[in-house]
Amino acid sequence: MSLETNTEAVVESPKTPRNFRTAIDIENFYRFVNDNDLRREAKIMLELIQQKVMITVKKKKKETKNLKKNLH
């Protein structure tokens, strides 16, 4: 077993948003985008993902607000 394979097995995905940019997968993604000149396409993709996440966040906030309102 090589040292590289062993090192990759030890690295875990980030558990918090603050550690998101330190993930090896994210670094590899940015390197791939840069090496293949895909900045425009990556930006479009990440904007779409952000929109979907924000829709989910807004729904959860609305549900929480309605739940609190019904409890009082």
C-alpha atoms as a PDB file:
ATOM      1  CA  MET A   1       0.000   0.000   0.000  1.00  0.00           C
ATOM      2  CA  SER A   2       1.431   3.379  -0.956  1.00  0.00           C
ATOM      3  CA  LEU A   3       1.619   6.368   1.358  1.00  0.00           C
ATOM      4  CA  GLU A   4      -0.770   8.378  -0.831  1.00  0.00           C
ATOM      5  CA  THR A   5      -3.551   5.797  -0.578  1.00  0.00           C
ATOM      6  CA  ASN A   6      -3.161   5.607   3.188  1.00  0.00           C
ATOM      7  CA  THR A   7      -3.260   9.427   3.551  1.00  0.00           C
ATOM      8  CA  GLU A   8      -6.409   9.738   1.470  1.00  0.00           C
ATOM      9  CA  ALA A   9      -8.215   7.210   3.645  1.00  0.00           C
ATOM     10  CA  VAL A  10      -7.515   9.261   6.778  1.00  0.00           C
ATOM     11  CA  VAL A  11      -8.888  12.562   5.401  1.00  0.00           C
ATOM     12  CA  GLU A  12     -12.535  13.077   6.308  1.00  0.00           C
ATOM     13  CA  SER A  13     -15.162  15.348   4.833  1.00  0.00           C
ATOM     14  CA  PRO A  14     -15.649  18.610   6.688  1.00  0.00           C
ATOM     15  CA  LYS A  15     -18.392  18.579   9.313  1.00  0.00           C
ATOM     16  CA  THR A  16     -18.940  22.328   9.448  1.00  0.00           C
ATOM     17  CA  PRO A  17     -19.268  25.013   6.775  1.00  0.00           C
ATOM     18  CA  ARG A  18     -16.107  26.717   8.061  1.00  0.00           C
ATOM     19  CA  ASN A  19     -14.038  23.646   7.161  1.00  0.00           C
ATOM     20  CA  PHE A  20     -15.654  23.339   3.747  1.00  0.00           C
ATOM     21  CA  ARG A  21     -12.828  24.966   1.817  1.00  0.00           C
ATOM     22  CA  THR A  22     -10.182  22.788   3.434  1.00  0.00           C
ATOM     23  CA  ALA A  23     -11.638  19.556   2.065  1.00  0.00           C
ATOM     24  CA  ILE A  24      -9.420  17.683  -0.362  1.00  0.00           C
ATOM     25  CA  ASP A  25     -12.360  17.115  -2.723  1.00  0.00           C
ATOM     26  CA  ILE A  26     -13.011  20.850  -2.947  1.00  0.00           C
ATOM     27  CA  GLU A  27      -9.357  21.563  -3.660  1.00  0.00           C
ATOM     28  CA  ASN A  28      -9.385  18.924  -6.394  1.00  0.00           C
ATOM     29  CA  PHE A  29     -12.562  20.417  -7.847  1.00  0.00           C
ATOM     30  CA  TYR A  30     -11.024  23.898  -8.032  1.00  0.00           C
ATOM     31  CA  ARG A  31      -7.847  22.469  -9.561  1.00  0.00           C
ATOM     32  CA  PHE A  32      -9.899  20.604 -12.198  1.00  0.00           C
ATOM     33  CA  VAL A  33     -11.902  23.732 -13.030  1.00  0.00           C
ATOM     34  CA  ASN A  34      -8.741  25.820 -13.350  1.00  0.00           C
ATOM     35  CA  ASP A  35      -6.803  23.250 -15.384  1.00  0.00           C
ATOM     36  CA  ASN A  36      -9.656  22.776 -17.851  1.00  0.00           C
ATOM     37  CA  ASP A  37     -10.690  26.444 -18.100  1.00  0.00           C
ATOM     38  CA  LEU A  38     -14.219  25.744 -16.801  1.00  0.00           C
ATOM     39  CA  ARG A  39     -14.645  28.813 -14.594  1.00  0.00           C
ATOM     40  CA  ARG A  40     -17.812  30.044 -16.322  1.00  0.00           C
ATOM     41  CA  GLU A  41     -19.461  26.626 -16.190  1.00  0.00           C
ATOM     42  CA  ALA A  42     -18.453  26.078 -12.571  1.00  0.00           C
ATOM     43  CA  LYS A  43     -19.865  29.469 -11.579  1.00  0.00           C
ATOM     44  CA  ILE A  44     -23.201  28.668 -13.221  1.00  0.00           C
ATOM     45  CA  MET A  45     -23.317  25.275 -11.519  1.00  0.00           C
ATOM     46  CA  LEU A  46     -22.483  26.680  -8.080  1.00  0.00           C
ATOM     47  CA  GLU A  47     -25.082  29.460  -8.449  1.00  0.00           C
ATOM     48  CA  LEU A  48     -27.768  26.878  -9.230  1.00  0.00           C
ATOM     49  CA  ILE A  49     -26.769  24.822  -6.210  1.00  0.00           C
ATOM     50  CA  GLN A  50     -26.854  27.930  -4.012  1.00  0.00           C
ATOM     51  CA  GLN A  51     -30.363  28.814  -5.238  1.00  0.00           C
ATOM     52  CA  LYS A  52     -31.665  25.348  -4.360  1.00  0.00           C
ATOM     53  CA  VAL A  53     -30.038  25.445  -0.930  1.00  0.00           C
ATOM     54  CA  MET A  54     -31.495  28.896  -0.196  1.00  0.00           C
ATOM     55  CA  ILE A  55     -34.992  27.710  -1.159  1.00  0.00           C
ATOM     56  CA  THR A  56     -34.661  24.859   1.345  1.00  0.00           C
ATOM     57  CA  VAL A  57     -33.350  27.212   4.052  1.00  0.00           C
ATOM     58  CA  LYS A  58     -36.247  29.630   3.517  1.00  0.00           C
ATOM     59  CA  LYS A  59     -38.783  26.775   3.730  1.00  0.00           C
ATOM     60  CA  LYS A  60     -37.273  25.542   7.001  1.00  0.00           C
ATOM     61  CA  LYS A  61     -37.310  29.062   8.487  1.00  0.00           C
ATOM     62  CA  LYS A  62     -40.938  29.482   7.467  1.00  0.00           C
ATOM     63  CA  GLU A  63     -41.893  26.131   8.996  1.00  0.00           C
ATOM     64  CA  THR A  64     -40.092  27.000  12.231  1.00  0.00           C
ATOM     65  CA  LYS A  65     -41.793  30.378  12.375  1.00  0.00           C
ATOM     66  CA  ASN A  66     -45.223  28.794  11.826  1.00  0.00           C
ATOM     67  CA  LEU A  67     -44.525  26.157  14.477  1.00  0.00           C
ATOM     68  CA  LYS A  68     -43.549  28.788  17.047  1.00  0.00           C
ATOM     69  CA  LYS A  69     -46.610  30.836  16.136  1.00  0.00           C
ATOM     70  CA  ASN A  70     -48.903  27.831  16.686  1.00  0.00           C
ATOM     71  CA  LEU A  71     -47.334  27.030  20.066  1.00  0.00           C
ATOM     72  CA  HIS A  72     -48.117  30.459  21.520  1.00  0.00           C
END
